[in-house]
Amino acid sequence: MLAYIVLAIVATVVAPLSTVPLLPLGATLWGPRATALLSIAGWEVGASIAYLIARRFGRPLASYLIDLTQADTIAARLAGTHTF
């Protein structure tokens, strides 16, 4: 069960990975409810880790991929007209 949660965490943090093929295996081994709870726990912890990584390193990493002045211009245009 712990390995399943760790795999779910890693799959949530590292985007191309997926634990979808493990869902039937987990449901067979532990039942659907336990598998759902384990999946949700892994997703929750993984999402928290991904958020913390993005919060700390998001802007510096994005600067390697895109021009931040252009992104700031687009964000300023959207902030005045669209509220989410």
PDB file of N, CA and C in Angstrom:
ATOM      1  N   MET A   1       0.826  -1.195   0.000  1.00  0.00           N
ATOM      2  CA  MET A   1       0.000   0.000   0.000  1.00  0.00           C
ATOM      3  C   MET A   1       0.868   1.255   0.000  1.00  0.00           C
ATOM      4  N   LEU A   2       1.944   1.212   0.785  1.00  0.00           N
ATOM      5  CA  LEU A   2       2.845   2.365   0.831  1.00  0.00           C
ATOM      6  C   LEU A   2       3.498   2.600  -0.526  1.00  0.00           C
ATOM      7  N   ALA A   3       3.893   1.530  -1.190  1.00  0.00           N
ATOM      8  CA  ALA A   3       4.494   1.654  -2.521  1.00  0.00           C
ATOM      9  C   ALA A   3       3.486   2.257  -3.505  1.00  0.00           C
ATOM     10  N   TYR A   4       2.226   1.874  -3.388  1.00  0.00           N
ATOM     11  CA  TYR A   4       1.188   2.420  -4.255  1.00  0.00           C
ATOM     12  C   TYR A   4       1.049   3.926  -4.034  1.00  0.00           C
ATOM     13  N   ILE A   5       1.055   4.356  -2.773  1.00  0.00           N
ATOM     14  CA  ILE A   5       0.942   5.786  -2.465  1.00  0.00           C
ATOM     15  C   ILE A   5       2.158   6.533  -2.994  1.00  0.00           C
ATOM     16  N   VAL A   6       3.353   5.969  -2.814  1.00  0.00           N
ATOM     17  CA  VAL A   6       4.571   6.627  -3.300  1.00  0.00           C
ATOM     18  C   VAL A   6       4.529   6.748  -4.821  1.00  0.00           C
ATOM     19  N   LEU A   7       4.087   5.704  -5.509  1.00  0.00           N
ATOM     20  CA  LEU A   7       3.963   5.785  -6.965  1.00  0.00           C
ATOM     21  C   LEU A   7       2.942   6.841  -7.385  1.00  0.00           C
ATOM     22  N   ALA A   8       1.853   6.954  -6.657  1.00  0.00           N
ATOM     23  CA  ALA A   8       0.850   7.978  -6.959  1.00  0.00           C
ATOM     24  C   ALA A   8       1.420   9.376  -6.745  1.00  0.00           C
ATOM     25  N   ILE A   9       2.229   9.546  -5.708  1.00  0.00           N
ATOM     26  CA  ILE A   9       2.872  10.838  -5.450  1.00  0.00           C
ATOM     27  C   ILE A   9       3.814  11.189  -6.590  1.00  0.00           C
ATOM     28  N   VAL A  10       4.659  10.244  -6.973  1.00  0.00           N
ATOM     29  CA  VAL A  10       5.625  10.491  -8.054  1.00  0.00           C
ATOM     30  C   VAL A  10       4.897  10.777  -9.364  1.00  0.00           C
ATOM     31  N   ALA A  11       3.845  10.045  -9.654  1.00  0.00           N
ATOM     32  CA  ALA A  11       3.094  10.262 -10.884  1.00  0.00           C
ATOM     33  C   ALA A  11       2.411  11.623 -10.901  1.00  0.00           C
ATOM     34  N   THR A  12       2.039  12.130  -9.747  1.00  0.00           N
ATOM     35  CA  THR A  12       1.412  13.451  -9.686  1.00  0.00           C
ATOM     36  C   THR A  12       2.443  14.551  -9.879  1.00  0.00           C
ATOM     37  N   VAL A  13       3.614  14.381  -9.306  1.00  0.00           N
ATOM     38  CA  VAL A  13       4.655  15.413  -9.406  1.00  0.00           C
ATOM     39  C   VAL A  13       5.307  15.400 -10.792  1.00  0.00           C
ATOM     40  N   VAL A  14       5.557  14.230 -11.343  1.00  0.00           N
ATOM     41  CA  VAL A  14       6.208  14.098 -12.643  1.00  0.00           C
ATOM     42  C   VAL A  14       5.116  13.849 -13.677  1.00  0.00           C
ATOM     43  N   ALA A  15       4.829  14.873 -14.468  1.00  0.00           N
ATOM     44  CA  ALA A  15       3.647  14.881 -15.325  1.00  0.00           C
ATOM     45  C   ALA A  15       3.494  13.698 -16.290  1.00  0.00           C
ATOM     46  N   PRO A  16       4.493  13.231 -17.007  1.00  0.00           N
ATOM     47  CA  PRO A  16       4.204  12.181 -17.995  1.00  0.00           C
ATOM     48  C   PRO A  16       3.876  10.809 -17.390  1.00  0.00           C
ATOM     49  N   LEU A  17       4.149  10.605 -16.138  1.00  0.00           N
ATOM     50  CA  LEU A  17       3.875   9.314 -15.513  1.00  0.00           C
ATOM     51  C   LEU A  17       2.408   9.207 -15.119  1.00  0.00           C
ATOM     52  N   SER A  18       1.915   7.983 -15.078  1.00  0.00           N
ATOM     53  CA  SER A  18       0.518   7.753 -14.701  1.00  0.00           C
ATOM     54  C   SER A  18       0.402   6.451 -13.914  1.00  0.00           C
ATOM     55  N   THR A  19      -0.490   6.451 -12.954  1.00  0.00           N
ATOM     56  CA  THR A  19      -0.748   5.231 -12.183  1.00  0.00           C
ATOM     57  C   THR A  19      -2.070   4.581 -12.587  1.00  0.00           C
ATOM     58  N   VAL A  20      -2.657   5.023 -13.671  1.00  0.00           N
ATOM     59  CA  VAL A  20      -3.930   4.464 -14.118  1.00  0.00           C
ATOM     60  C   VAL A  20      -3.842   2.949 -14.331  1.00  0.00           C
ATOM     61  N   PRO A  21      -2.741   2.423 -14.898  1.00  0.00           N
ATOM     62  CA  PRO A  21      -2.681   0.962 -15.042  1.00  0.00           C
ATOM     63  C   PRO A  21      -2.655   0.209 -13.707  1.00  0.00           C
ATOM     64  N   LEU A  22      -2.293   0.883 -12.637  1.00  0.00           N
ATOM     65  CA  LEU A  22      -2.248   0.227 -11.333  1.00  0.00           C
ATOM     66  C   LEU A  22      -3.610   0.182 -10.631  1.00  0.00           C
ATOM     67  N   LEU A  23      -4.570   0.967 -11.094  1.00  0.00           N
ATOM     68  CA  LEU A  23      -5.878   1.009 -10.444  1.00  0.00           C
ATOM     69  C   LEU A  23      -6.574  -0.352 -10.414  1.00  0.00           C
ATOM     70  N   PRO A  24      -6.636  -1.085 -11.522  1.00  0.00           N
ATOM     71  CA  PRO A  24      -7.279  -2.413 -11.443  1.00  0.00           C
ATOM     72  C   PRO A  24      -6.533  -3.376 -10.515  1.00  0.00           C
ATOM     73  N   LEU A  25      -5.211  -3.287 -10.517  1.00  0.00           N
ATOM     74  CA  LEU A  25      -4.435  -4.139  -9.623  1.00  0.00           C
ATOM     75  C   LEU A  25      -4.744  -3.823  -8.159  1.00  0.00           C
ATOM     76  N   GLY A  26      -4.771  -2.529  -7.842  1.00  0.00           N
ATOM     77  CA  GLY A  26      -5.095  -2.123  -6.478  1.00  0.00           C
ATOM     78  C   GLY A  26      -6.505  -2.516  -6.077  1.00  0.00           C
ATOM     79  N   ALA A  27      -7.436  -2.353  -7.002  1.00  0.00           N
ATOM     80  CA  ALA A  27      -8.823  -2.722  -6.698  1.00  0.00           C
ATOM     81  C   ALA A  27      -8.961  -4.216  -6.461  1.00  0.00           C
ATOM     82  N   THR A  28      -8.172  -5.010  -7.179  1.00  0.00           N
ATOM     83  CA  THR A  28      -8.204  -6.463  -6.972  1.00  0.00           C
ATOM     84  C   THR A  28      -7.586  -6.848  -5.634  1.00  0.00           C
ATOM     85  N   LEU A  29      -6.476  -6.187  -5.302  1.00  0.00           N
ATOM     86  CA  LEU A  29      -5.766  -6.533  -4.070  1.00  0.00           C
ATOM     87  C   LEU A  29      -6.468  -6.029  -2.808  1.00  0.00           C
ATOM     88  N   TRP A  30      -6.905  -4.780  -2.817  1.00  0.00           N
ATOM     89  CA  TRP A  30      -7.407  -4.146  -1.590  1.00  0.00           C
ATOM     90  C   TRP A  30      -8.876  -3.753  -1.661  1.00  0.00           C
ATOM     91  N   GLY A  31      -9.493  -3.862  -2.810  1.00  0.00           N
ATOM     92  CA  GLY A  31     -10.883  -3.448  -2.971  1.00  0.00           C
ATOM     93  C   GLY A  31     -10.959  -2.024  -3.502  1.00  0.00           C
ATOM     94  N   PRO A  32     -12.091  -1.679  -4.069  1.00  0.00           N
ATOM     95  CA  PRO A  32     -12.225  -0.364  -4.703  1.00  0.00           C
ATOM     96  C   PRO A  32     -12.152   0.811  -3.731  1.00  0.00           C
ATOM     97  N   ARG A  33     -12.741   0.665  -2.560  1.00  0.00           N
ATOM     98  CA  ARG A  33     -12.728   1.785  -1.609  1.00  0.00           C
ATOM     99  C   ARG A  33     -11.332   2.072  -1.094  1.00  0.00           C
ATOM    100  N   ALA A  34     -10.607   1.033  -0.719  1.00  0.00           N
ATOM    101  CA  ALA A  34      -9.244   1.232  -0.221  1.00  0.00           C
ATOM    102  C   ALA A  34      -8.359   1.802  -1.320  1.00  0.00           C
ATOM    103  N   THR A  35      -8.517   1.313  -2.551  1.00  0.00           N
ATOM    104  CA  THR A  35      -7.726   1.823  -3.666  1.00  0.00           C
ATOM    105  C   THR A  35      -8.056   3.292  -3.921  1.00  0.00           C
ATOM    106  N   ALA A  36      -9.314   3.639  -3.837  1.00  0.00           N
ATOM    107  CA  ALA A  36      -9.705   5.041  -4.022  1.00  0.00           C
ATOM    108  C   ALA A  36      -9.083   5.919  -2.949  1.00  0.00           C
ATOM    109  N   LEU A  37      -9.121   5.474  -1.708  1.00  0.00           N
ATOM    110  CA  LEU A  37      -8.534   6.262  -0.616  1.00  0.00           C
ATOM    111  C   LEU A  37      -7.015   6.376  -0.757  1.00  0.00           C
ATOM    112  N   LEU A  38      -6.369   5.290  -1.154  1.00  0.00           N
ATOM    113  CA  LEU A  38      -4.923   5.333  -1.368  1.00  0.00           C
ATOM    114  C   LEU A  38      -4.567   6.267  -2.523  1.00  0.00           C
ATOM    115  N   SER A  39      -5.348   6.203  -3.591  1.00  0.00           N
ATOM    116  CA  SER A  39      -5.111   7.083  -4.740  1.00  0.00           C
ATOM    117  C   SER A  39      -5.288   8.541  -4.356  1.00  0.00           C
ATOM    118  N   ILE A  40      -6.348   8.833  -3.642  1.00  0.00           N
ATOM    119  CA  ILE A  40      -6.611  10.213  -3.221  1.00  0.00           C
ATOM    120  C   ILE A  40      -5.511  10.715  -2.309  1.00  0.00           C
ATOM    121  N   ALA A  41      -5.037   9.869  -1.401  1.00  0.00           N
ATOM    122  CA  ALA A  41      -3.935  10.263  -0.512  1.00  0.00           C
ATOM    123  C   ALA A  41      -2.678  10.573  -1.326  1.00  0.00           C
ATOM    124  N   GLY A  42      -2.349   9.724  -2.279  1.00  0.00           N
ATOM    125  CA  GLY A  42      -1.177   9.959  -3.112  1.00  0.00           C
ATOM    126  C   GLY A  42      -1.313  11.205  -3.958  1.00  0.00           C
ATOM    127  N   TRP A  43      -2.489  11.415  -4.524  1.00  0.00           N
ATOM    128  CA  TRP A  43      -2.716  12.610  -5.338  1.00  0.00           C
ATOM    129  C   TRP A  43      -2.624  13.875  -4.499  1.00  0.00           C
ATOM    130  N   GLU A  44      -3.167  13.821  -3.302  1.00  0.00           N
ATOM    131  CA  GLU A  44      -3.160  14.993  -2.425  1.00  0.00           C
ATOM    132  C   GLU A  44      -1.731  15.380  -2.030  1.00  0.00           C
ATOM    133  N   VAL A  45      -0.959  14.403  -1.589  1.00  0.00           N
ATOM    134  CA  VAL A  45       0.427  14.683  -1.201  1.00  0.00           C
ATOM    135  C   VAL A  45       1.234  15.107  -2.420  1.00  0.00           C
ATOM    136  N   GLY A  46       1.043  14.434  -3.549  1.00  0.00           N
ATOM    137  CA  GLY A  46       1.754  14.796  -4.775  1.00  0.00           C
ATOM    138  C   GLY A  46       1.418  16.198  -5.249  1.00  0.00           C
ATOM    139  N   ALA A  47       0.149  16.570  -5.169  1.00  0.00           N
ATOM    140  CA  ALA A  47      -0.257  17.916  -5.566  1.00  0.00           C
ATOM    141  C   ALA A  47       0.342  18.963  -4.637  1.00  0.00           C
ATOM    142  N   SER A  48       0.431  18.662  -3.367  1.00  0.00           N
ATOM    143  CA  SER A  48       1.048  19.590  -2.419  1.00  0.00           C
ATOM    144  C   SER A  48       2.531  19.771  -2.720  1.00  0.00           C
ATOM    145  N   ILE A  49       3.212  18.677  -3.027  1.00  0.00           N
ATOM    146  CA  ILE A  49       4.632  18.760  -3.371  1.00  0.00           C
ATOM    147  C   ILE A  49       4.816  19.539  -4.673  1.00  0.00           C
ATOM    148  N   ALA A  50       3.987  19.271  -5.672  1.00  0.00           N
ATOM    149  CA  ALA A  50       4.068  19.990  -6.943  1.00  0.00           C
ATOM    150  C   ALA A  50       3.816  21.483  -6.737  1.00  0.00           C
ATOM    151  N   TYR A  51       2.861  21.821  -5.878  1.00  0.00           N
ATOM    152  CA  TYR A  51       2.588  23.225  -5.583  1.00  0.00           C
ATOM    153  C   TYR A  51       3.802  23.885  -4.931  1.00  0.00           C
ATOM    154  N   LEU A  52       4.404  23.209  -3.958  1.00  0.00           N
ATOM    155  CA  LEU A  52       5.563  23.787  -3.280  1.00  0.00           C
ATOM    156  C   LEU A  52       6.744  23.958  -4.237  1.00  0.00           C
ATOM    157  N   ILE A  53       6.938  23.005  -5.130  1.00  0.00           N
ATOM    158  CA  ILE A  53       8.004  23.139  -6.129  1.00  0.00           C
ATOM    159  C   ILE A  53       7.722  24.328  -7.044  1.00  0.00           C
ATOM    160  N   ALA A  54       6.487  24.444  -7.501  1.00  0.00           N
ATOM    161  CA  ALA A  54       6.127  25.554  -8.383  1.00  0.00           C
ATOM    162  C   ALA A  54       6.219  26.887  -7.655  1.00  0.00           C
ATOM    163  N   ARG A  55       5.828  26.897  -6.402  1.00  0.00           N
ATOM    164  CA  ARG A  55       5.880  28.133  -5.620  1.00  0.00           C
ATOM    165  C   ARG A  55       7.319  28.615  -5.448  1.00  0.00           C
ATOM    166  N   ARG A  56       8.234  27.680  -5.231  1.00  0.00           N
ATOM    167  CA  ARG A  56       9.634  28.034  -4.990  1.00  0.00           C
ATOM    168  C   ARG A  56      10.411  28.259  -6.284  1.00  0.00           C
ATOM    169  N   PHE A  57      10.222  27.385  -7.268  1.00  0.00           N
ATOM    170  CA  PHE A  57      11.060  27.417  -8.461  1.00  0.00           C
ATOM    171  C   PHE A  57      10.304  27.764  -9.740  1.00  0.00           C
ATOM    172  N   GLY A  58       9.028  28.061  -9.657  1.00  0.00           N
ATOM    173  CA  GLY A  58       8.208  28.257 -10.847  1.00  0.00           C
ATOM    174  C   GLY A  58       8.663  29.366 -11.762  1.00  0.00           C
ATOM    175  N   ARG A  59       8.836  30.556 -11.239  1.00  0.00           N
ATOM    176  CA  ARG A  59       9.219  31.688 -12.078  1.00  0.00           C
ATOM    177  C   ARG A  59      10.627  31.531 -12.643  1.00  0.00           C
ATOM    178  N   PRO A  60      11.626  31.121 -11.855  1.00  0.00           N
ATOM    179  CA  PRO A  60      12.947  30.915 -12.450  1.00  0.00           C
ATOM    180  C   PRO A  60      12.961  29.823 -13.531  1.00  0.00           C
ATOM    181  N   LEU A  61      12.210  28.753 -13.322  1.00  0.00           N
ATOM    182  CA  LEU A  61      12.140  27.715 -14.345  1.00  0.00           C
ATOM    183  C   LEU A  61      11.418  28.202 -15.596  1.00  0.00           C
ATOM    184  N   ALA A  62      10.366  28.973 -15.403  1.00  0.00           N
ATOM    185  CA  ALA A  62       9.618  29.496 -16.543  1.00  0.00           C
ATOM    186  C   ALA A  62      10.463  30.462 -17.366  1.00  0.00           C
ATOM    187  N   SER A  63      11.379  31.166 -16.718  1.00  0.00           N
ATOM    188  CA  SER A  63      12.216  32.118 -17.450  1.00  0.00           C
ATOM    189  C   SER A  63      13.124  31.417 -18.454  1.00  0.00           C
ATOM    190  N   TYR A  64      13.424  30.141 -18.223  1.00  0.00           N
ATOM    191  CA  TYR A  64      14.208  29.382 -19.194  1.00  0.00           C
ATOM    192  C   TYR A  64      13.383  28.971 -20.403  1.00  0.00           C
ATOM    193  N   LEU A  65      12.081  28.870 -20.232  1.00  0.00           N
ATOM    194  CA  LEU A  65      11.218  28.371 -21.293  1.00  0.00           C
ATOM    195  C   LEU A  65      10.546  29.470 -22.104  1.00  0.00           C
ATOM    196  N   ILE A  66      10.160  30.568 -21.436  1.00  0.00           N
ATOM    197  CA  ILE A  66       9.419  31.632 -22.121  1.00  0.00           C
ATOM    198  C   ILE A  66       9.982  32.985 -21.736  1.00  0.00           C
ATOM    199  N   ASP A  67       9.588  34.015 -22.495  1.00  0.00           N
ATOM    200  CA  ASP A  67       9.953  35.389 -22.171  1.00  0.00           C
ATOM    201  C   ASP A  67       8.975  35.904 -21.113  1.00  0.00           C
ATOM    202  N   LEU A  68       9.488  36.203 -19.925  1.00  0.00           N
ATOM    203  CA  LEU A  68       8.608  36.584 -18.814  1.00  0.00           C
ATOM    204  C   LEU A  68       7.965  37.944 -19.011  1.00  0.00           C
ATOM    205  N   THR A  69       8.594  38.845 -19.751  1.00  0.00           N
ATOM    206  CA  THR A  69       7.955  40.143 -19.988  1.00  0.00           C
ATOM    207  C   THR A  69       6.692  39.969 -20.809  1.00  0.00           C
ATOM    208  N   GLN A  70       6.723  39.081 -21.777  1.00  0.00           N
ATOM    209  CA  GLN A  70       5.526  38.804 -22.568  1.00  0.00           C
ATOM    210  C   GLN A  70       4.462  38.132 -21.703  1.00  0.00           C
ATOM    211  N   ALA A  71       4.862  37.212 -20.849  1.00  0.00           N
ATOM    212  CA  ALA A  71       3.906  36.558 -19.953  1.00  0.00           C
ATOM    213  C   ALA A  71       3.298  37.560 -18.979  1.00  0.00           C
ATOM    214  N   ASP A  72       4.093  38.491 -18.472  1.00  0.00           N
ATOM    215  CA  ASP A  72       3.567  39.519 -17.570  1.00  0.00           C
ATOM    216  C   ASP A  72       2.583  40.435 -18.289  1.00  0.00           C
ATOM    217  N   THR A  73       2.864  40.747 -19.543  1.00  0.00           N
ATOM    218  CA  THR A  73       1.951  41.581 -20.329  1.00  0.00           C
ATOM    219  C   THR A  73       0.603  40.877 -20.515  1.00  0.00           C
ATOM    220  N   ILE A  74       0.642  39.615 -20.845  1.00  0.00           N
ATOM    221  CA  ILE A  74      -0.595  38.852 -21.029  1.00  0.00           C
ATOM    222  C   ILE A  74      -1.349  38.732 -19.708  1.00  0.00           C
ATOM    223  N   ALA A  75      -0.632  38.486 -18.616  1.00  0.00           N
ATOM    224  CA  ALA A  75      -1.272  38.381 -17.307  1.00  0.00           C
ATOM    225  C   ALA A  75      -1.921  39.691 -16.904  1.00  0.00           C
ATOM    226  N   ALA A  76      -1.278  40.816 -17.208  1.00  0.00           N
ATOM    227  CA  ALA A  76      -1.847  42.126 -16.868  1.00  0.00           C
ATOM    228  C   ALA A  76      -3.116  42.385 -17.671  1.00  0.00           C
ATOM    229  N   ARG A  77      -3.127  41.988 -18.930  1.00  0.00           N
ATOM    230  CA  ARG A  77      -4.339  42.162 -19.750  1.00  0.00           C
ATOM    231  C   ARG A  77      -5.490  41.314 -19.229  1.00  0.00           C
ATOM    232  N   LEU A  78      -5.195  40.067 -18.850  1.00  0.00           N
ATOM    233  CA  LEU A  78      -6.250  39.191 -18.358  1.00  0.00           C
ATOM    234  C   LEU A  78      -6.734  39.555 -16.978  1.00  0.00           C
ATOM    235  N   ALA A  79      -5.874  40.109 -16.146  1.00  0.00           N
ATOM    236  CA  ALA A  79      -6.245  40.419 -14.767  1.00  0.00           C
ATOM    237  C   ALA A  79      -7.332  41.490 -14.716  1.00  0.00           C
ATOM    238  N   GLY A  80      -7.317  42.407 -15.633  1.00  0.00           N
ATOM    239  CA  GLY A  80      -8.315  43.468 -15.588  1.00  0.00           C
ATOM    240  C   GLY A  80      -9.672  43.060 -16.095  1.00  0.00           C
ATOM    241  N   THR A  81      -9.757  42.034 -16.921  1.00  0.00           N
ATOM    242  CA  THR A  81     -11.030  41.708 -17.554  1.00  0.00           C
ATOM    243  C   THR A  81     -11.624  40.370 -17.096  1.00  0.00           C
ATOM    244  N   HIS A  82     -10.777  39.429 -16.741  1.00  0.00           N
ATOM    245  CA  HIS A  82     -11.277  38.088 -16.399  1.00  0.00           C
ATOM    246  C   HIS A  82     -10.955  37.769 -14.947  1.00  0.00           C
ATOM    247  N   THR A  83     -11.985  37.405 -14.217  1.00  0.00           N
ATOM    248  CA  THR A  83     -11.790  37.016 -12.829  1.00  0.00           C
ATOM    249  C   THR A  83     -12.054  35.527 -12.719  1.00  0.00           C
ATOM    250  N   PHE A  84     -11.133  34.826 -12.084  1.00  0.00           N
ATOM    251  CA  PHE A  84     -11.301  33.389 -11.917  1.00  0.00           C
ATOM    252  C   PHE A  84     -11.379  33.074 -10.464  1.00  0.00           C
TER     253      PHE A  84
END
